[in-house]
Amino acid sequence: MDLLASLFDETERQALSVSELNSEIKAALELQFAAVWVEGEITNFHAAASGHWYFSLTDGDSMLRAACFKGQNYRIRFKPSDGLQVRCRGRITTYEKRGEYQLMVDSLEPVGEGALTVAFEQIKQRLAAEGLFDEEIKRPIPAYPRRVGIVTSPTGAAVHDILTVLHRRARSVDVVIIPTLVQGEKAAEQIAAAIRLANEHCDGCLEDAKIDVLIVGRGGGSSEDLWAFNEELVARAIRASKIPVISAVGHEIDFTIADMAADLRAPTPSAAAEIVARSEAEVLAGLERLSADLGKSIEYLLLAAHAELQSLEMSPVFAEFPAKLREAGHYVEGMFADAQSALRSRLNAASDELQGVTCRLSPLQLSVRVSEHSERLSLLQFRSKCAAGEMTNGRHAKLERTMAQLDALSPLGVLTRGYSITQKLNGEIVRDPHQTVAGERVNISLAGGKLEAEVIIAADATE
């Protein structure tokens, strides 16, 4: 009020700079409006790269600029958008460089609808548009897992309920607890990290030590308590998991983003344990039922086979069979006798032939035959030797006559009588002087060797 009074004081003549005036106005506004609630519709919303939010509030008649810095808006569960009716708490301040006042927002919530509900719908729509909830990408849950991983608080009621059910229904199932916070600001990060840790364990361990299925959840609570399971990073960690995930958050009426992203939703942690560990007693009972059914089936088949055997025993074919068997025996005996008779005949004929051959091959007869053949062989050898000598002499005489004829016709023989052969350098034989020209070089073959000559006077020059 002193500031406003001084503006109208005629005795006050000292002027303020614009910056000083804006600074004093800012101090007065921040003192007067340090904490106010304002309700209106969001317009011109802009999320800056720095993480700050800038927007305006309007009631249709007036407009108020507002800003929510990164250090404050990370606590807000939903992302504002144009047209959303909200209730803001903050303080009035001015932007001194422009002399504009604005509302610095500390808290923001929708009007008529909870902030968590709005945030839930926003996350749900965004992830559904990406296909993270599609049934086609859901992994099957193993029917009989050997090792179950539990991502939850180690001191909560959920882990106690799960262990109780597993102990009662399937004591052979191993349990691996991956402890994490399940509510609070850091809970979502820890849950996502626990899911990744379980997968890293499976990547580096032996097959027998791998986790077959993960139960991610907690016991009941308020919407705020369960909110960590609605965070986007938890949903993405569930979908990135190589291990099938069962979501078991709260009670049956509670529904979270994790339930939609998981491969299977269980209404409670106890129900999740019931799903992953079918009762061993049920399995044994089923085996006993199958064993009883198998015994009955075998007994029925035996009775049917016994009845069929009795029916076959009374069949006429078994009465006729002995007679047919005797007839077959007689037939075989007859065939055997015929075979023996034929064999004796063949043996007698062979014996007679052997005796004839033996007589022909006696030592005396063999000696006479050998002498005859020896004399004949000697005669043939003498005749062949004489014939070979006559043939050799005839061929030698013919060869000498042929050689004499060749010598008479050979050009070399002509050369020995003083003749010569003249050839050009290309090998052409010179038979006529007209084939040469003056200065041309020729080769002359004699009986004792060759000469190289040059034509001095050509034939045409002498004419």
Protein backbone atom coordinates (compact mmCIF):
# COMPACT_ATOMS: atom_id res chain seq x y z
CA MET A 1 0.00 0.00 0.00
CA ASP A 2 2.94 2.29 0.69
CA LEU A 3 4.08 1.68 -2.87
CA LEU A 4 0.69 2.62 -4.31
CA ALA A 5 0.44 5.68 -2.04
CA SER A 6 3.80 6.89 -3.15
CA LEU A 7 2.61 6.85 -6.75
CA PHE A 8 0.01 9.51 -5.96
CA ASP A 9 2.10 11.56 -3.56
CA GLU A 10 2.63 14.91 -5.25
CA THR A 11 5.59 15.65 -3.01
CA GLU A 12 7.40 12.49 -4.22
CA ARG A 13 9.38 13.46 -7.28
CA GLN A 14 12.07 10.71 -7.33
CA ALA A 15 11.46 8.40 -10.40
CA LEU A 16 12.03 4.59 -10.41
CA SER A 17 13.61 2.67 -13.24
CA VAL A 18 11.49 0.06 -15.00
CA SER A 19 13.56 -2.73 -13.52
CA GLU A 20 13.22 -1.33 -10.02
CA LEU A 21 9.48 -0.97 -10.39
CA ASN A 22 9.10 -4.50 -11.78
CA SER A 23 11.25 -5.84 -8.95
CA GLU A 24 9.12 -4.13 -6.29
CA ILE A 25 5.92 -5.31 -7.98
CA LYS A 26 7.28 -8.88 -8.03
CA ALA A 27 8.14 -8.72 -4.34
CA ALA A 28 4.70 -7.34 -3.49
CA LEU A 29 2.86 -9.97 -5.59
CA GLU A 30 4.89 -12.88 -4.23
CA LEU A 31 4.25 -11.66 -0.70
CA GLN A 32 0.54 -11.16 -1.26
CA PHE A 33 -0.04 -14.31 -3.38
CA ALA A 34 2.50 -16.76 -1.94
CA ALA A 35 0.10 -19.72 -2.09
CA VAL A 36 -3.07 -19.64 -4.20
CA TRP A 37 -5.39 -22.21 -5.83
CA VAL A 38 -6.57 -21.45 -9.33
CA GLU A 39 -9.02 -23.47 -11.43
CA GLY A 40 -9.27 -23.21 -15.19
CA GLU A 41 -8.84 -24.82 -18.59
CA ILE A 42 -5.36 -25.47 -20.00
CA THR A 43 -4.52 -23.81 -23.31
CA ASN A 44 -1.31 -23.37 -25.32
CA PHE A 45 0.41 -26.19 -23.45
CA HIS A 46 4.10 -26.63 -24.36
CA ALA A 47 6.60 -29.13 -22.93
CA ALA A 48 10.05 -27.64 -23.45
CA ALA A 49 13.16 -29.70 -24.19
CA SER A 50 14.49 -28.62 -20.80
CA GLY A 51 11.64 -30.51 -19.12
CA HIS A 52 9.70 -27.36 -18.06
CA TRP A 53 5.98 -26.98 -18.82
CA TYR A 54 4.50 -23.72 -20.08
CA PHE A 55 0.75 -23.13 -20.54
CA SER A 56 -2.12 -20.74 -19.88
CA LEU A 57 -5.22 -21.05 -17.72
CA THR A 58 -8.51 -19.59 -18.88
CA ASP A 59 -12.08 -19.44 -17.59
CA GLY A 60 -13.46 -18.11 -20.86
CA ASP A 61 -13.19 -14.46 -19.91
CA SER A 62 -9.62 -14.08 -18.64
CA MET A 63 -6.30 -15.80 -19.17
CA LEU A 64 -3.37 -16.40 -16.79
CA ARG A 65 0.08 -17.50 -17.86
CA ALA A 66 1.52 -20.43 -15.88
CA ALA A 67 4.72 -22.42 -15.70
CA CYS A 68 5.70 -25.65 -13.95
CA PHE A 69 9.40 -26.30 -13.78
CA LYS A 70 11.07 -29.70 -14.13
CA GLY A 71 11.89 -29.87 -10.44
CA GLN A 72 8.15 -29.79 -9.65
CA ASN A 73 6.41 -31.51 -12.55
CA TYR A 74 8.16 -34.89 -12.14
CA ARG A 75 5.84 -35.48 -9.16
CA ILE A 76 2.74 -34.96 -11.29
CA ARG A 77 1.40 -38.37 -12.37
CA PHE A 78 -0.19 -37.24 -15.66
CA LYS A 79 0.84 -35.03 -18.55
CA PRO A 80 -1.34 -31.95 -19.07
CA SER A 81 -2.95 -31.25 -22.44
CA ASP A 82 -5.02 -28.50 -24.01
CA GLY A 83 -8.68 -28.52 -23.02
CA LEU A 84 -8.11 -30.27 -19.67
CA GLN A 85 -9.87 -28.63 -16.70
CA VAL A 86 -7.39 -28.49 -13.84
CA ARG A 87 -6.91 -27.13 -10.34
CA CYS A 88 -3.48 -25.56 -9.73
CA ARG A 89 -1.67 -24.55 -6.60
CA GLY A 90 1.24 -22.11 -6.78
CA ARG A 91 2.43 -18.58 -6.27
CA ILE A 92 2.08 -15.43 -8.32
CA THR A 93 5.31 -13.90 -9.58
CA THR A 94 6.44 -11.70 -12.42
CA TYR A 95 8.83 -12.11 -15.29
CA GLU A 96 10.75 -8.88 -14.69
CA LYS A 97 12.21 -8.51 -18.16
CA ARG A 98 8.75 -8.27 -19.70
CA GLY A 99 6.80 -7.03 -16.75
CA GLU A 100 4.36 -9.94 -17.07
CA TYR A 101 3.01 -11.81 -14.10
CA GLN A 102 2.41 -15.58 -14.10
CA LEU A 103 1.53 -18.47 -11.84
CA MET A 104 4.43 -20.71 -10.79
CA VAL A 105 2.70 -24.08 -10.37
CA ASP A 106 3.70 -26.47 -7.56
CA SER A 107 0.77 -28.88 -7.78
CA LEU A 108 -1.64 -29.81 -10.57
CA GLU A 109 -4.63 -32.12 -10.58
CA PRO A 110 -7.60 -32.65 -12.88
CA VAL A 111 -10.97 -31.31 -11.88
CA GLY A 112 -13.64 -34.00 -11.47
CA GLU A 113 -11.19 -36.84 -12.15
CA GLY A 114 -8.15 -37.98 -10.17
CA ALA A 115 -4.68 -37.31 -11.49
CA LEU A 116 -3.83 -40.99 -11.20
CA THR A 117 -6.81 -41.93 -13.34
CA VAL A 118 -5.80 -39.47 -16.05
CA ALA A 119 -2.20 -40.65 -15.94
CA PHE A 120 -3.35 -44.28 -16.09
CA GLU A 121 -5.41 -43.64 -19.22
CA GLN A 122 -2.62 -41.67 -20.88
CA ILE A 123 -0.04 -44.42 -20.31
CA LYS A 124 -2.53 -47.10 -21.30
CA GLN A 125 -3.39 -45.41 -24.60
CA ARG A 126 0.25 -44.70 -25.46
CA LEU A 127 1.46 -48.26 -24.81
CA ALA A 128 -1.58 -49.82 -26.49
CA ALA A 129 -0.83 -47.76 -29.61
CA GLU A 130 2.68 -49.23 -29.61
CA GLY A 131 1.27 -52.77 -29.46
CA LEU A 132 2.68 -53.64 -26.01
CA PHE A 133 -0.63 -55.21 -24.97
CA ASP A 134 -1.22 -57.30 -28.12
CA GLU A 135 -2.13 -60.92 -27.51
CA GLU A 136 0.17 -62.09 -30.34
CA ILE A 137 3.29 -61.17 -28.34
CA LYS A 138 2.20 -62.91 -25.15
CA ARG A 139 4.51 -65.79 -24.18
CA PRO A 140 3.08 -69.11 -22.95
CA ILE A 141 3.44 -69.91 -19.25
CA PRO A 142 5.22 -73.27 -18.61
CA ALA A 143 2.81 -75.89 -17.23
CA TYR A 144 5.37 -77.38 -14.84
CA PRO A 145 8.13 -74.86 -14.07
CA ARG A 146 11.14 -76.08 -12.16
CA ARG A 147 12.19 -72.66 -10.85
CA VAL A 148 9.98 -69.63 -10.14
CA GLY A 149 11.28 -66.09 -9.69
CA ILE A 150 9.35 -63.66 -7.45
CA VAL A 151 9.82 -59.90 -7.89
CA THR A 152 8.29 -58.30 -4.82
CA SER A 153 9.06 -56.96 -1.37
CA PRO A 154 10.76 -59.65 0.77
CA THR A 155 8.79 -58.48 3.83
CA GLY A 156 5.36 -58.06 2.25
CA ALA A 157 2.30 -60.27 2.50
CA ALA A 158 2.56 -61.23 -1.19
CA VAL A 159 5.77 -63.24 -0.85
CA HIS A 160 4.35 -65.03 2.20
CA ASP A 161 1.17 -65.98 0.34
CA ILE A 162 3.13 -67.22 -2.71
CA LEU A 163 5.54 -69.32 -0.65
CA THR A 164 2.65 -70.83 1.35
CA VAL A 165 0.84 -71.93 -1.78
CA LEU A 166 3.99 -73.33 -3.41
CA HIS A 167 4.90 -75.23 -0.25
CA ARG A 168 1.43 -76.76 -0.13
CA ARG A 169 0.97 -77.55 -3.80
CA ALA A 170 4.45 -78.13 -5.28
CA ARG A 171 7.36 -78.62 -2.92
CA SER A 172 9.63 -79.68 -5.78
CA VAL A 173 9.53 -76.18 -7.31
CA ASP A 174 12.56 -73.99 -6.52
CA VAL A 175 11.94 -70.33 -5.66
CA VAL A 176 14.21 -67.35 -6.38
CA ILE A 177 13.22 -64.09 -4.68
CA ILE A 178 14.40 -60.87 -6.32
CA PRO A 179 13.72 -58.24 -3.62
CA THR A 180 12.52 -54.77 -4.53
CA LEU A 181 10.45 -51.86 -3.27
CA VAL A 182 6.81 -52.09 -4.35
CA GLN A 183 5.67 -48.54 -3.51
CA GLY A 184 7.19 -45.10 -3.34
CA GLU A 185 9.02 -42.85 -5.80
CA LYS A 186 11.89 -45.28 -6.51
CA ALA A 187 9.75 -48.43 -6.59
CA ALA A 188 9.14 -48.48 -10.35
CA GLU A 189 12.86 -48.18 -11.10
CA GLN A 190 13.68 -51.02 -8.69
CA ILE A 191 10.96 -53.29 -10.08
CA ALA A 192 12.22 -52.79 -13.64
CA ALA A 193 15.81 -53.35 -12.48
CA ALA A 194 14.78 -56.58 -10.68
CA ILE A 195 13.17 -57.93 -13.86
CA ARG A 196 16.30 -57.15 -15.85
CA LEU A 197 18.46 -58.78 -13.14
CA ALA A 198 16.45 -62.01 -13.38
CA ASN A 199 17.00 -62.11 -17.15
CA GLU A 200 20.72 -61.39 -16.80
CA HIS A 201 20.95 -64.28 -14.34
CA CYS A 202 19.34 -66.63 -16.88
CA ASP A 203 21.66 -65.44 -19.67
CA GLY A 204 24.76 -66.38 -17.69
CA CYS A 205 23.72 -69.59 -15.91
CA LEU A 206 23.34 -73.26 -16.77
CA GLU A 207 20.08 -74.63 -18.14
CA ASP A 208 19.13 -76.25 -14.83
CA ALA A 209 19.56 -72.96 -12.95
CA LYS A 210 17.40 -70.82 -15.26
CA ILE A 211 14.18 -69.21 -14.05
CA ASP A 212 11.19 -70.60 -15.95
CA VAL A 213 8.60 -67.95 -14.98
CA LEU A 214 8.53 -64.63 -13.10
CA ILE A 215 5.78 -63.49 -10.70
CA VAL A 216 5.81 -59.68 -10.45
CA GLY A 217 3.44 -58.18 -7.90
CA ARG A 218 2.49 -57.18 -4.40
CA GLY A 219 -0.43 -57.28 -1.99
CA GLY A 220 -3.40 -54.94 -1.92
CA GLY A 221 -3.33 -51.21 -1.24
CA SER A 222 -4.59 -47.85 -2.37
CA SER A 223 -4.24 -46.57 -5.93
CA GLU A 224 -1.27 -44.52 -4.80
CA ASP A 225 0.35 -47.58 -3.21
CA LEU A 226 -0.09 -49.64 -6.39
CA TRP A 227 1.01 -46.87 -8.72
CA ALA A 228 4.56 -48.23 -9.25
CA PHE A 229 3.00 -51.04 -11.31
CA ASN A 230 1.38 -48.45 -13.60
CA GLU A 231 4.68 -46.83 -14.54
CA GLU A 232 5.74 -47.04 -18.17
CA LEU A 233 9.25 -48.31 -17.44
CA VAL A 234 7.83 -51.32 -15.54
CA ALA A 235 5.59 -52.22 -18.49
CA ARG A 236 8.50 -51.96 -20.90
CA ALA A 237 10.74 -54.08 -18.64
CA ILE A 238 8.03 -56.77 -18.56
CA ARG A 239 7.77 -56.84 -22.35
CA ALA A 240 11.56 -56.85 -22.75
CA SER A 241 11.88 -59.87 -20.45
CA LYS A 242 12.83 -63.19 -22.07
CA ILE A 243 11.25 -64.98 -19.10
CA PRO A 244 7.42 -65.25 -19.17
CA VAL A 245 5.88 -62.85 -16.63
CA ILE A 246 2.75 -63.23 -14.50
CA SER A 247 1.45 -59.98 -13.00
CA ALA A 248 -0.13 -60.35 -9.54
CA VAL A 249 -0.87 -56.92 -8.14
CA GLY A 250 -3.31 -56.24 -5.32
CA HIS A 251 -6.74 -57.85 -5.22
CA GLU A 252 -9.01 -59.09 -7.97
CA ILE A 253 -10.64 -55.67 -8.42
CA ASP A 254 -7.29 -53.93 -8.88
CA PHE A 255 -6.09 -53.56 -12.45
CA THR A 256 -2.70 -52.08 -13.46
CA ILE A 257 -0.66 -51.35 -16.57
CA ALA A 258 1.63 -54.22 -15.55
CA ASP A 259 -1.37 -56.59 -15.78
CA MET A 260 -1.94 -55.56 -19.39
CA ALA A 261 1.74 -55.81 -20.35
CA ALA A 262 2.35 -59.16 -18.65
CA ASP A 263 1.96 -62.50 -20.40
CA LEU A 264 -0.72 -63.47 -17.87
CA ARG A 265 -2.63 -61.63 -15.16
CA ALA A 266 -3.37 -63.29 -11.85
CA PRO A 267 -6.01 -61.67 -9.63
CA THR A 268 -3.87 -62.11 -6.50
CA PRO A 269 -0.34 -63.26 -5.61
CA SER A 270 -1.79 -66.51 -4.24
CA ALA A 271 -3.60 -67.12 -7.53
CA ALA A 272 -0.31 -66.58 -9.39
CA ALA A 273 1.29 -69.29 -7.26
CA GLU A 274 -1.67 -71.60 -8.00
CA ILE A 275 -1.14 -71.02 -11.73
CA VAL A 276 2.61 -71.72 -11.88
CA ALA A 277 2.54 -74.71 -9.54
CA ARG A 278 -0.18 -77.21 -10.23
CA SER A 279 -0.73 -79.37 -7.16
CA GLU A 280 1.48 -82.44 -7.03
CA ALA A 281 -1.44 -84.24 -5.44
CA GLU A 282 -3.56 -83.42 -8.49
CA VAL A 283 -0.85 -84.75 -10.78
CA LEU A 284 -0.56 -87.97 -8.79
CA ALA A 285 -4.32 -88.35 -8.71
CA GLY A 286 -4.42 -87.88 -12.46
CA LEU A 287 -1.71 -90.52 -12.91
CA GLU A 288 -3.65 -92.91 -10.70
CA ARG A 289 -6.79 -92.35 -12.75
CA LEU A 290 -4.87 -92.96 -15.96
CA SER A 291 -3.30 -96.09 -14.45
CA ALA A 292 -6.73 -97.42 -13.43
CA ASP A 293 -8.14 -96.69 -16.87
CA LEU A 294 -5.15 -98.43 -18.47
CA GLY A 295 -5.65 -101.50 -16.22
CA LYS A 296 -9.30 -101.71 -17.16
CA SER A 297 -8.45 -101.37 -20.85
CA ILE A 298 -5.87 -104.17 -20.62
CA GLU A 299 -8.32 -106.42 -18.74
CA TYR A 300 -10.99 -105.82 -21.38
CA LEU A 301 -8.53 -106.60 -24.19
CA LEU A 302 -7.47 -109.84 -22.44
CA LEU A 303 -11.08 -110.97 -22.03
CA ALA A 304 -11.81 -110.19 -25.67
CA ALA A 305 -8.69 -112.09 -26.79
CA HIS A 306 -9.63 -115.11 -24.62
CA ALA A 307 -13.14 -115.19 -26.10
CA GLU A 308 -11.74 -114.98 -29.61
CA LEU A 309 -9.33 -117.84 -28.84
CA GLN A 310 -12.15 -120.05 -27.61
CA SER A 311 -14.12 -119.25 -30.74
CA LEU A 312 -11.17 -120.25 -32.90
CA GLU A 313 -10.70 -123.50 -30.99
CA MET A 314 -14.28 -124.49 -31.85
CA SER A 315 -13.87 -123.57 -35.50
CA PRO A 316 -14.13 -126.42 -38.10
CA VAL A 317 -10.74 -125.53 -39.49
CA PHE A 318 -9.06 -126.99 -36.39
CA ALA A 319 -10.96 -130.31 -36.83
CA GLU A 320 -9.89 -130.62 -40.49
CA PHE A 321 -6.33 -129.61 -39.86
CA PRO A 322 -5.01 -133.00 -38.50
CA ALA A 323 -6.35 -134.89 -41.56
CA LYS A 324 -4.77 -132.38 -43.92
CA LEU A 325 -1.58 -132.64 -41.95
CA ARG A 326 -1.51 -136.44 -42.37
CA GLU A 327 -2.15 -136.15 -46.13
CA ALA A 328 0.71 -133.72 -46.40
CA GLY A 329 2.92 -136.15 -44.47
CA HIS A 330 2.15 -138.98 -46.87
CA TYR A 331 2.84 -136.73 -49.85
CA VAL A 332 6.19 -135.73 -48.42
CA GLU A 333 7.14 -139.36 -47.74
CA GLY A 334 6.32 -140.29 -51.37
CA MET A 335 8.37 -137.41 -52.70
CA PHE A 336 11.26 -138.46 -50.46
CA ALA A 337 11.15 -142.05 -51.79
CA ASP A 338 11.13 -140.81 -55.41
CA ALA A 339 14.08 -138.60 -54.70
CA GLN A 340 16.04 -141.50 -53.18
CA SER A 341 15.32 -143.71 -56.22
CA ALA A 342 16.42 -141.01 -58.67
CA LEU A 343 19.58 -140.43 -56.68
CA ARG A 344 20.49 -144.14 -56.73
CA SER A 345 20.05 -144.26 -60.53
CA ARG A 346 22.31 -141.26 -61.00
CA LEU A 347 24.94 -142.79 -58.71
CA ASN A 348 24.93 -146.12 -60.61
CA ALA A 349 25.32 -144.36 -63.98
CA ALA A 350 28.15 -142.26 -62.63
CA SER A 351 29.87 -145.36 -61.26
CA ASP A 352 29.74 -147.10 -64.65
CA GLU A 353 31.16 -144.05 -66.39
CA LEU A 354 33.96 -143.85 -63.82
CA GLN A 355 34.95 -147.46 -64.45
CA GLY A 356 35.17 -146.84 -68.22
CA VAL A 357 37.36 -143.80 -67.70
CA THR A 358 39.57 -145.78 -65.32
CA CYS A 359 40.14 -148.46 -67.92
CA ARG A 360 41.07 -145.90 -70.55
CA LEU A 361 43.55 -144.27 -68.21
CA SER A 362 45.52 -147.41 -67.30
CA PRO A 363 49.42 -146.94 -67.13
CA LEU A 364 50.17 -149.17 -70.12
CA GLN A 365 47.70 -147.46 -72.43
CA LEU A 366 48.92 -144.05 -71.26
CA SER A 367 52.55 -145.01 -72.07
CA VAL A 368 51.67 -146.10 -75.61
CA ARG A 369 49.68 -142.91 -76.24
CA VAL A 370 52.54 -140.76 -74.93
CA SER A 371 55.08 -142.48 -77.24
CA GLU A 372 52.88 -141.98 -80.29
CA HIS A 373 52.33 -138.32 -79.53
CA SER A 374 56.07 -137.76 -78.85
CA GLU A 375 57.10 -139.13 -82.27
CA ARG A 376 54.45 -137.04 -83.96
CA LEU A 377 55.57 -133.91 -82.10
CA SER A 378 59.24 -134.46 -83.15
CA LEU A 379 58.22 -134.77 -86.80
CA LEU A 380 56.16 -131.60 -86.61
CA GLN A 381 59.07 -129.72 -85.04
CA PHE A 382 61.45 -130.81 -87.87
CA ARG A 383 58.95 -129.78 -90.55
CA SER A 384 58.34 -126.40 -88.96
CA LYS A 385 62.09 -125.71 -88.69
CA CYS A 386 62.65 -126.54 -92.36
CA ALA A 387 59.70 -124.37 -93.41
CA ALA A 388 60.95 -121.47 -91.32
CA GLY A 389 64.45 -121.70 -92.89
CA GLU A 390 63.08 -121.73 -96.42
CA MET A 391 60.81 -118.77 -95.66
CA THR A 392 63.67 -116.77 -94.12
CA ASN A 393 65.97 -117.38 -97.11
CA GLY A 394 63.23 -116.37 -99.59
CA ARG A 395 62.48 -113.18 -97.70
CA HIS A 396 66.21 -112.29 -97.47
CA ALA A 397 66.66 -112.70 -101.24
CA LYS A 398 63.62 -110.56 -101.95
CA LEU A 399 64.93 -107.86 -99.57
CA GLU A 400 68.29 -107.76 -101.41
CA ARG A 401 66.58 -107.37 -104.79
CA THR A 402 64.41 -104.53 -103.42
CA MET A 403 67.44 -102.74 -101.98
CA ALA A 404 69.22 -102.95 -105.31
CA GLN A 405 66.21 -101.42 -107.04
CA LEU A 406 66.06 -98.62 -104.45
CA ASP A 407 69.76 -97.86 -104.90
CA ALA A 408 69.26 -97.63 -108.64
CA LEU A 409 66.36 -95.22 -108.26
CA SER A 410 67.79 -93.13 -105.36
CA PRO A 411 68.81 -89.52 -106.14
CA LEU A 412 71.92 -90.09 -104.05
CA GLY A 413 72.93 -92.84 -106.39
CA VAL A 414 72.65 -90.40 -109.30
CA LEU A 415 74.83 -87.92 -107.41
CA THR A 416 77.58 -90.48 -107.03
CA ARG A 417 77.79 -90.65 -110.84
CA GLY A 418 78.69 -86.96 -110.99
CA TYR A 419 75.28 -85.33 -111.13
CA SER A 420 74.08 -82.51 -108.81
CA ILE A 421 70.79 -80.96 -107.59
CA THR A 422 70.29 -77.16 -107.62
CA GLN A 423 67.74 -75.57 -105.26
CA LYS A 424 66.64 -72.05 -104.51
CA LEU A 425 66.85 -70.79 -100.93
CA ASN A 426 63.13 -71.55 -100.47
CA GLY A 427 63.76 -75.22 -101.40
CA GLU A 428 62.42 -75.06 -104.95
CA ILE A 429 64.40 -77.36 -107.31
CA VAL A 430 65.85 -75.58 -110.35
CA ARG A 431 65.12 -77.59 -113.49
CA ASP A 432 65.40 -74.76 -116.01
CA PRO A 433 67.78 -71.77 -116.17
CA HIS A 434 64.79 -69.49 -116.70
CA GLN A 435 63.81 -70.14 -113.09
CA THR A 436 66.75 -67.97 -111.89
CA VAL A 437 67.85 -64.36 -112.17
CA ALA A 438 71.27 -62.75 -112.01
CA GLY A 439 72.57 -62.34 -108.46
CA GLU A 440 70.21 -64.93 -107.00
CA ARG A 441 71.76 -67.34 -104.50
CA VAL A 442 71.20 -71.08 -104.86
CA ASN A 443 72.22 -74.30 -103.06
CA ILE A 444 73.93 -77.14 -105.01
CA SER A 445 73.75 -80.66 -103.55
CA LEU A 446 76.64 -83.04 -104.51
CA ALA A 447 77.38 -86.63 -103.49
CA GLY A 448 79.99 -85.41 -101.01
CA GLY A 449 78.09 -82.37 -99.59
CA LYS A 450 76.54 -79.01 -100.48
CA LEU A 451 77.69 -75.79 -102.17
CA GLU A 452 76.23 -72.33 -101.97
CA ALA A 453 76.47 -70.40 -105.27
CA GLU A 454 75.40 -67.15 -106.86
CA VAL A 455 73.90 -66.88 -110.36
CA ILE A 456 76.13 -64.55 -112.40
CA ILE A 457 74.52 -64.63 -115.84
CA ALA A 458 70.81 -65.39 -116.03
CA ALA A 459 69.44 -67.48 -118.85
CA ASP A 460 67.49 -64.60 -120.41
CA ALA A 461 70.70 -62.49 -120.61
CA THR A 462 72.45 -65.01 -122.80
CA GLU A 463 69.73 -65.20 -125.33
